[in-house]
Amino acid sequence: MILGLVDEAVAAGARRERACLQLGLTERCMQRWRSVDVGDDSRAGPKTRPANALTAAERVKLLEVVNSPECRDLPPKQVIPRLADEGRYSASEATLYPVLRAEGQNVHRSRAKPRTARSVNAHVATAPNQVWSWDITYLLSALRGRFFYLYLIEDIWSRRIVGFEVHAEESMIASSALVRATCLAENVDPEGLVLHSENGGPMKGSTMRATLQHLGIVASFSRPSVSDDNPCSEALFRTLKYRPEYPHKPFATIEAGRAWVTAFVAWYNTEHRHSGIRFVTPDERHGGREEAVLANRVRVYERARRRHPNRWSRGTRNWSPAPAVFLNPKRNQDTVTSKLAEETEA
């Protein structure tokens, strides 16, 4: 079945290496499977039992120790050192875990609440003003230990900065005011709009939550301790702070910080050709002008190809408009299928 899926993707135009990668395989593995007539994996696995494996009696004794009153509430990484302090050695942690797993005992043992897996807030944007991403970053001030705070909202479909402010402190009141002002400036109906952010106080405070509920905006948050759940805003901040024009010295006043950020936003929205949207500017994509820009590039490339056909071994570069933008897509079969479809289109 896997071989058939890969062949179908390659026939449609996808690269074999990328198709294999999406299925969790290497191209070399596919070649090995094709080397036999039945098309099955020829790996037989180990045929002998390791000489240093625990005996049945040793496994029983090890389980008795782990399930004893003094150890039954402890994880293996606590049991092994405790036994060593008592002058006993039964097995290593690497040996104990498989034994517990085989007996169905590799479960949460303490009274503390076990860690729960949090689902990813996955969203897709197919047009402007459907999904916004926002965050706060520091701007150095002239006073040591004090910062200015840049609040910035970005439309993930067009990568356009739709709202920003620079304040002297982090505040959920300032956050809610920025959201309201941005909705008015963009002239959008906020009902159903997704606003994705991290888990800081200005993002999840009561005033901010009340504002989002009143406007009908859907609040979306990154998972705790996951640093890459808000990639659009993080990438934008990196672009901002690595610009050649970014000051090497702290901002003397908050007005100076606001002036610099205003100039950056004007450049970013109107001049910066973003790699994630076929190198058109955010304003061109946000305003629906990207198709005309990309169509002109297609004509330029076609003229160049006709002048020097020997320089083109394949078709011209793909200048079709960028597809829908996914924010934190789920890693499931639907995602694999969509990525293969994108490879086919490319």
Protein backbone atom coordinates (compact mmCIF):
# COMPACT_ATOMS: atom_id res chain seq x y z
CA MET A 1 0.00 0.00 0.00
CA ILE A 2 2.85 2.38 0.88
CA LEU A 3 4.64 1.65 -2.38
CA GLY A 4 1.44 2.37 -4.27
CA LEU A 5 0.92 5.71 -2.48
CA VAL A 6 4.48 6.81 -3.22
CA ASP A 7 4.19 5.82 -6.88
CA GLU A 8 0.94 7.74 -7.16
CA ALA A 9 2.50 10.87 -5.64
CA VAL A 10 5.56 10.64 -7.92
CA ALA A 11 3.38 10.15 -10.99
CA ALA A 12 1.52 13.32 -10.04
CA GLY A 13 4.76 15.30 -9.92
CA ALA A 14 5.98 15.07 -6.31
CA ARG A 15 9.59 14.31 -5.46
CA ARG A 16 10.15 10.74 -4.29
CA GLU A 17 12.41 11.78 -1.42
CA ARG A 18 9.83 14.22 -0.02
CA ALA A 19 7.01 11.72 -0.44
CA CYS A 20 8.97 9.11 1.53
CA LEU A 21 9.80 11.66 4.20
CA GLN A 22 6.13 12.50 4.73
CA LEU A 23 5.45 8.82 5.39
CA GLY A 24 8.28 8.55 7.90
CA LEU A 25 10.54 6.51 5.63
CA THR A 26 13.82 7.01 3.82
CA GLU A 27 14.27 6.61 0.09
CA ARG A 28 16.81 3.87 0.79
CA CYS A 29 14.17 1.90 2.69
CA MET A 30 11.83 2.11 -0.30
CA GLN A 31 14.60 0.83 -2.57
CA ARG A 32 15.16 -2.13 -0.27
CA TRP A 33 11.47 -2.98 -0.30
CA ARG A 34 11.41 -2.93 -4.09
CA SER A 35 14.39 -5.28 -4.32
CA VAL A 36 12.20 -8.28 -3.39
CA ASP A 37 9.29 -9.57 -5.44
CA VAL A 38 6.66 -9.41 -2.70
CA GLY A 39 7.53 -5.82 -1.83
CA ASP A 40 7.71 -6.50 1.91
CA ASP A 41 10.35 -5.34 4.36
CA SER A 42 13.06 -7.99 4.44
CA ARG A 43 14.27 -7.11 7.92
CA ALA A 44 13.81 -10.20 10.12
CA GLY A 45 14.79 -8.68 13.43
CA PRO A 46 16.79 -10.41 16.19
CA LYS A 47 16.60 -14.21 16.21
CA THR A 48 18.45 -14.89 19.46
CA ARG A 49 17.74 -13.92 23.05
CA PRO A 50 20.36 -11.58 24.55
CA ALA A 51 22.79 -13.42 26.78
CA ASN A 52 22.51 -10.78 29.51
CA ALA A 53 18.70 -10.75 29.65
CA LEU A 54 16.98 -11.17 32.99
CA THR A 55 15.83 -14.64 33.86
CA ALA A 56 12.21 -15.33 34.79
CA ALA A 57 13.15 -15.56 38.47
CA GLU A 58 15.02 -12.25 38.31
CA ARG A 59 12.03 -10.55 36.69
CA VAL A 60 9.73 -11.80 39.44
CA LYS A 61 12.13 -10.62 42.13
CA LEU A 62 12.50 -7.24 40.47
CA LEU A 63 8.72 -6.77 40.35
CA GLU A 64 8.45 -7.72 44.00
CA VAL A 65 10.96 -5.02 44.90
CA VAL A 66 9.23 -2.35 42.80
CA ASN A 67 5.81 -3.21 44.21
CA SER A 68 7.00 -3.31 47.83
CA PRO A 69 5.39 -0.78 50.22
CA GLU A 70 8.49 1.45 50.25
CA CYS A 71 8.83 1.60 46.44
CA ARG A 72 5.36 1.18 44.97
CA ASP A 73 4.66 4.93 44.92
CA LEU A 74 8.01 5.87 43.38
CA PRO A 75 9.06 6.09 39.73
CA PRO A 76 11.95 3.87 38.53
CA LYS A 77 14.39 6.78 38.53
CA GLN A 78 13.75 7.10 42.31
CA VAL A 79 13.69 3.36 43.03
CA ILE A 80 17.12 2.50 41.60
CA PRO A 81 19.14 5.11 43.60
CA ARG A 82 17.20 4.22 46.76
CA LEU A 83 18.13 0.55 46.39
CA ALA A 84 21.76 1.50 45.73
CA ASP A 85 21.84 3.48 48.99
CA GLU A 86 20.68 0.32 50.76
CA GLY A 87 23.45 -1.70 49.15
CA ARG A 88 21.18 -3.53 46.70
CA TYR A 89 21.31 -3.65 42.92
CA SER A 90 18.52 -5.36 40.99
CA ALA A 91 18.64 -3.78 37.53
CA SER A 92 19.19 -0.50 35.74
CA GLU A 93 16.46 1.96 34.90
CA ALA A 94 16.76 1.02 31.22
CA THR A 95 15.96 -2.59 32.20
CA LEU A 96 13.25 -1.73 34.71
CA TYR A 97 11.12 0.34 32.34
CA PRO A 98 10.55 -2.48 29.77
CA VAL A 99 9.73 -4.92 32.57
CA LEU A 100 7.09 -2.58 33.98
CA ARG A 101 5.76 -1.89 30.51
CA ALA A 102 5.37 -5.59 29.79
CA GLU A 103 3.41 -6.05 33.04
CA GLY A 104 1.21 -3.01 32.43
CA GLN A 105 2.67 -1.17 35.44
CA ASN A 106 4.46 1.67 33.68
CA VAL A 107 1.86 4.18 34.86
CA HIS A 108 1.78 7.34 36.95
CA ARG A 109 2.62 6.28 40.53
CA SER A 110 2.59 9.42 42.68
CA ARG A 111 -0.40 11.28 44.10
CA ALA A 112 0.43 14.34 42.03
CA LYS A 113 -1.79 15.02 39.08
CA PRO A 114 -0.27 13.43 35.96
CA ARG A 115 0.75 15.63 33.08
CA THR A 116 -1.95 15.95 30.47
CA ALA A 117 -1.29 16.29 26.77
CA ARG A 118 -2.70 19.53 25.44
CA SER A 119 -4.06 19.60 21.94
CA VAL A 120 -2.64 21.97 19.38
CA ASN A 121 -4.78 24.96 18.43
CA ALA A 122 -4.63 24.44 14.67
CA HIS A 123 -6.14 27.11 12.39
CA VAL A 124 -6.20 27.75 8.65
CA ALA A 125 -6.51 31.11 6.89
CA THR A 126 -7.72 31.34 3.29
CA ALA A 127 -8.29 35.11 3.13
CA PRO A 128 -7.35 38.27 5.04
CA ASN A 129 -8.68 38.95 8.54
CA GLN A 130 -9.49 35.36 9.39
CA VAL A 131 -6.59 34.51 11.72
CA TRP A 132 -4.43 37.06 13.52
CA SER A 133 -1.33 36.37 15.56
CA TRP A 134 -0.02 38.78 18.17
CA ASP A 135 2.69 39.03 20.80
CA ILE A 136 4.75 41.49 22.86
CA THR A 137 8.50 42.01 22.62
CA TYR A 138 11.03 44.11 24.50
CA LEU A 139 12.66 47.28 23.21
CA LEU A 140 15.71 48.50 25.12
CA SER A 141 15.37 51.85 26.86
CA ALA A 142 18.12 54.19 28.03
CA LEU A 143 17.33 53.38 31.66
CA ARG A 144 19.09 50.20 32.78
CA GLY A 145 16.66 47.44 33.72
CA ARG A 146 13.67 49.16 32.09
CA PHE A 147 12.14 48.34 28.73
CA PHE A 148 9.56 49.58 26.30
CA TYR A 149 7.03 47.01 25.11
CA LEU A 150 6.02 46.57 21.48
CA TYR A 151 2.50 45.16 21.02
CA LEU A 152 2.11 43.87 17.48
CA ILE A 153 -0.71 42.10 15.60
CA GLU A 154 -0.08 40.27 12.30
CA ASP A 155 -2.47 38.73 9.79
CA ILE A 156 -1.02 35.25 9.15
CA TRP A 157 -2.56 34.94 5.68
CA SER A 158 -0.97 38.06 4.24
CA ARG A 159 1.79 38.53 6.88
CA ARG A 160 0.66 42.14 7.10
CA ILE A 161 1.10 44.07 10.34
CA VAL A 162 -2.44 45.24 11.01
CA GLY A 163 -1.89 46.86 14.40
CA PHE A 164 0.89 47.91 16.77
CA GLU A 165 1.60 50.09 19.78
CA VAL A 166 4.62 50.83 21.98
CA HIS A 167 3.95 51.22 25.73
CA ALA A 168 6.04 51.66 28.83
CA GLU A 169 4.54 48.59 30.53
CA GLU A 170 2.77 45.31 29.86
CA SER A 171 -0.94 45.69 30.45
CA MET A 172 -4.07 43.77 29.54
CA ILE A 173 -5.85 47.13 29.27
CA ALA A 174 -3.40 48.24 26.56
CA SER A 175 -3.81 44.86 24.85
CA SER A 176 -7.60 45.09 24.72
CA ALA A 177 -7.42 48.69 23.48
CA LEU A 178 -5.08 47.64 20.66
CA VAL A 179 -7.41 44.85 19.57
CA ARG A 180 -10.39 47.20 19.47
CA ALA A 181 -8.45 49.86 17.55
CA THR A 182 -7.12 47.32 15.05
CA CYS A 183 -10.59 45.97 14.30
CA LEU A 184 -11.81 49.52 13.65
CA ALA A 185 -8.78 50.42 11.52
CA GLU A 186 -9.17 47.28 9.39
CA ASN A 187 -12.95 47.77 9.19
CA VAL A 188 -13.56 44.07 9.85
CA ASP A 189 -16.37 42.23 11.57
CA PRO A 190 -14.57 40.64 14.55
CA GLU A 191 -17.22 37.93 14.96
CA GLY A 192 -15.43 34.60 14.42
CA LEU A 193 -11.99 36.16 13.95
CA VAL A 194 -9.25 33.99 15.53
CA LEU A 195 -6.65 35.79 17.64
CA HIS A 196 -3.69 33.56 18.51
CA SER A 197 -1.17 34.45 21.20
CA GLU A 198 1.02 33.05 23.95
CA ASN A 199 0.01 32.61 27.59
CA GLY A 200 1.23 35.83 29.21
CA GLY A 201 -0.83 37.94 31.55
CA PRO A 202 -1.66 40.66 28.97
CA MET A 203 -2.98 37.90 26.66
CA LYS A 204 -5.10 35.99 29.19
CA GLY A 205 -6.08 38.70 31.67
CA SER A 206 -9.69 39.26 32.61
CA THR A 207 -9.96 42.59 30.75
CA MET A 208 -8.56 41.07 27.57
CA ARG A 209 -10.83 38.03 27.79
CA ALA A 210 -13.87 40.23 28.34
CA THR A 211 -12.95 42.33 25.30
CA LEU A 212 -12.58 39.28 23.07
CA GLN A 213 -15.88 37.82 24.26
CA HIS A 214 -17.67 41.14 23.70
CA LEU A 215 -16.29 41.42 20.16
CA GLY A 216 -16.93 37.76 19.34
CA ILE A 217 -13.25 37.03 18.70
CA VAL A 218 -12.09 33.44 19.16
CA ALA A 219 -9.16 33.35 21.59
CA SER A 220 -6.41 30.84 20.76
CA PHE A 221 -3.34 30.22 22.89
CA SER A 222 -0.04 28.38 22.60
CA ARG A 223 0.52 25.26 24.65
CA PRO A 224 2.37 25.82 27.94
CA SER A 225 6.16 25.52 27.64
CA VAL A 226 5.98 25.13 23.85
CA SER A 227 8.12 27.83 22.28
CA ASP A 228 7.12 27.40 18.62
CA ASP A 229 3.31 27.48 18.82
CA ASN A 230 3.25 31.15 17.76
CA PRO A 231 5.74 31.02 14.86
CA CYS A 232 4.44 33.95 12.78
CA SER A 233 4.92 36.56 15.49
CA GLU A 234 8.29 35.13 16.56
CA ALA A 235 9.58 35.21 12.97
CA LEU A 236 8.35 38.79 12.58
CA PHE A 237 10.16 39.90 15.73
CA ARG A 238 13.36 38.31 14.44
CA THR A 239 13.03 40.23 11.18
CA LEU A 240 12.46 43.42 13.15
CA LYS A 241 15.48 43.10 15.43
CA TYR A 242 17.89 41.94 12.72
CA ARG A 243 17.21 44.79 10.33
CA PRO A 244 20.34 46.85 9.49
CA GLU A 245 18.47 49.95 10.63
CA TYR A 246 17.71 48.52 14.08
CA PRO A 247 19.45 50.82 16.61
CA HIS A 248 22.59 49.49 18.24
CA LYS A 249 21.91 51.69 21.24
CA PRO A 250 18.78 51.78 23.44
CA PHE A 251 15.92 54.10 22.56
CA ALA A 252 16.30 57.38 24.43
CA THR A 253 12.56 57.95 24.78
CA ILE A 254 9.38 56.05 24.12
CA GLU A 255 8.61 58.51 21.31
CA ALA A 256 11.85 57.48 19.58
CA GLY A 257 10.83 53.84 19.86
CA ARG A 258 7.40 54.54 18.41
CA ALA A 259 8.92 56.50 15.51
CA TRP A 260 11.32 53.68 14.62
CA VAL A 261 8.62 51.00 14.79
CA THR A 262 6.31 53.13 12.62
CA ALA A 263 9.00 53.36 9.94
CA PHE A 264 9.66 49.61 10.17
CA VAL A 265 5.98 48.75 9.77
CA ALA A 266 5.73 50.96 6.68
CA TRP A 267 8.75 49.20 5.15
CA TYR A 268 7.58 45.72 6.12
CA ASN A 269 4.06 46.11 4.75
CA THR A 270 4.88 47.93 1.52
CA GLU A 271 8.44 46.96 0.51
CA HIS A 272 9.43 43.68 2.17
CA ARG A 273 8.91 40.72 -0.17
CA HIS A 274 8.01 37.87 2.14
CA SER A 275 9.37 34.40 1.37
CA GLY A 276 6.28 32.69 2.78
CA ILE A 277 3.90 34.32 0.27
CA ARG A 278 5.83 33.94 -3.01
CA PHE A 279 7.93 37.06 -2.34
CA VAL A 280 5.14 39.58 -2.70
CA THR A 281 4.69 42.34 -0.15
CA PRO A 282 2.13 41.89 2.65
CA ASP A 283 0.14 44.86 1.34
CA GLU A 284 -0.07 43.33 -2.15
CA ARG A 285 -1.40 40.06 -0.79
CA HIS A 286 -3.68 41.69 1.76
CA GLY A 287 -5.16 44.01 -0.85
CA GLY A 288 -5.67 41.34 -3.51
CA ARG A 289 -2.97 42.62 -5.88
CA GLU A 290 -0.69 39.58 -5.66
CA GLU A 291 -2.21 37.80 -8.68
CA ALA A 292 -1.32 40.68 -11.01
CA VAL A 293 2.22 40.86 -9.61
CA LEU A 294 2.77 37.12 -9.93
CA ALA A 295 1.23 37.00 -13.41
CA ASN A 296 3.73 39.65 -14.54
CA ARG A 297 6.57 37.51 -13.16
CA VAL A 298 5.28 34.54 -15.15
CA ARG A 299 5.38 36.60 -18.35
CA VAL A 300 8.93 37.78 -17.57
CA TYR A 301 10.13 34.23 -17.04
CA GLU A 302 8.41 32.95 -20.16
CA ARG A 303 10.07 35.64 -22.28
CA ALA A 304 13.45 34.74 -20.80
CA ARG A 305 12.83 31.08 -21.52
CA ARG A 306 11.95 31.75 -25.13
CA ARG A 307 15.13 33.79 -25.60
CA HIS A 308 17.37 31.08 -24.12
CA PRO A 309 15.49 27.74 -24.10
CA ASN A 310 18.73 25.80 -23.57
CA ARG A 311 19.08 27.31 -20.09
CA TRP A 312 15.82 25.80 -18.87
CA SER A 313 15.90 22.05 -18.28
CA ARG A 314 12.49 22.14 -16.58
CA GLY A 315 9.55 24.49 -16.37
CA THR A 316 9.83 28.02 -15.06
CA ARG A 317 9.62 28.91 -11.41
CA ASN A 318 6.29 28.46 -9.65
CA TRP A 319 4.81 31.94 -9.35
CA SER A 320 1.26 30.86 -8.53
CA PRO A 321 -0.32 32.53 -5.46
CA ALA A 322 0.61 30.95 -2.15
CA PRO A 323 -1.98 28.48 -0.83
CA ALA A 324 -3.86 28.62 2.44
CA VAL A 325 -1.76 29.28 5.53
CA PHE A 326 -1.87 26.77 8.38
CA LEU A 327 -1.08 27.84 11.93
CA ASN A 328 0.23 24.84 13.90
CA PRO A 329 -1.25 22.10 11.66
CA LYS A 330 -1.99 18.79 13.35
CA ARG A 331 0.38 15.94 12.57
CA ASN A 332 -2.08 13.44 11.16
CA GLN A 333 -2.84 11.71 7.91
CA ASP A 334 -4.81 14.69 6.62
CA THR A 335 -1.72 16.87 7.00
CA VAL A 336 0.40 14.35 5.12
CA THR A 337 -2.14 14.23 2.31
CA SER A 338 -2.29 18.02 2.07
CA LYS A 339 1.49 18.30 1.92
CA LEU A 340 1.67 15.72 -0.84
CA ALA A 341 -0.96 17.68 -2.73
CA GLU A 342 1.10 20.84 -2.38
CA GLU A 343 4.14 19.02 -3.75
CA THR A 344 2.03 17.87 -6.69
CA GLU A 345 0.89 21.42 -7.41
CA ALA A 346 4.47 22.65 -7.23
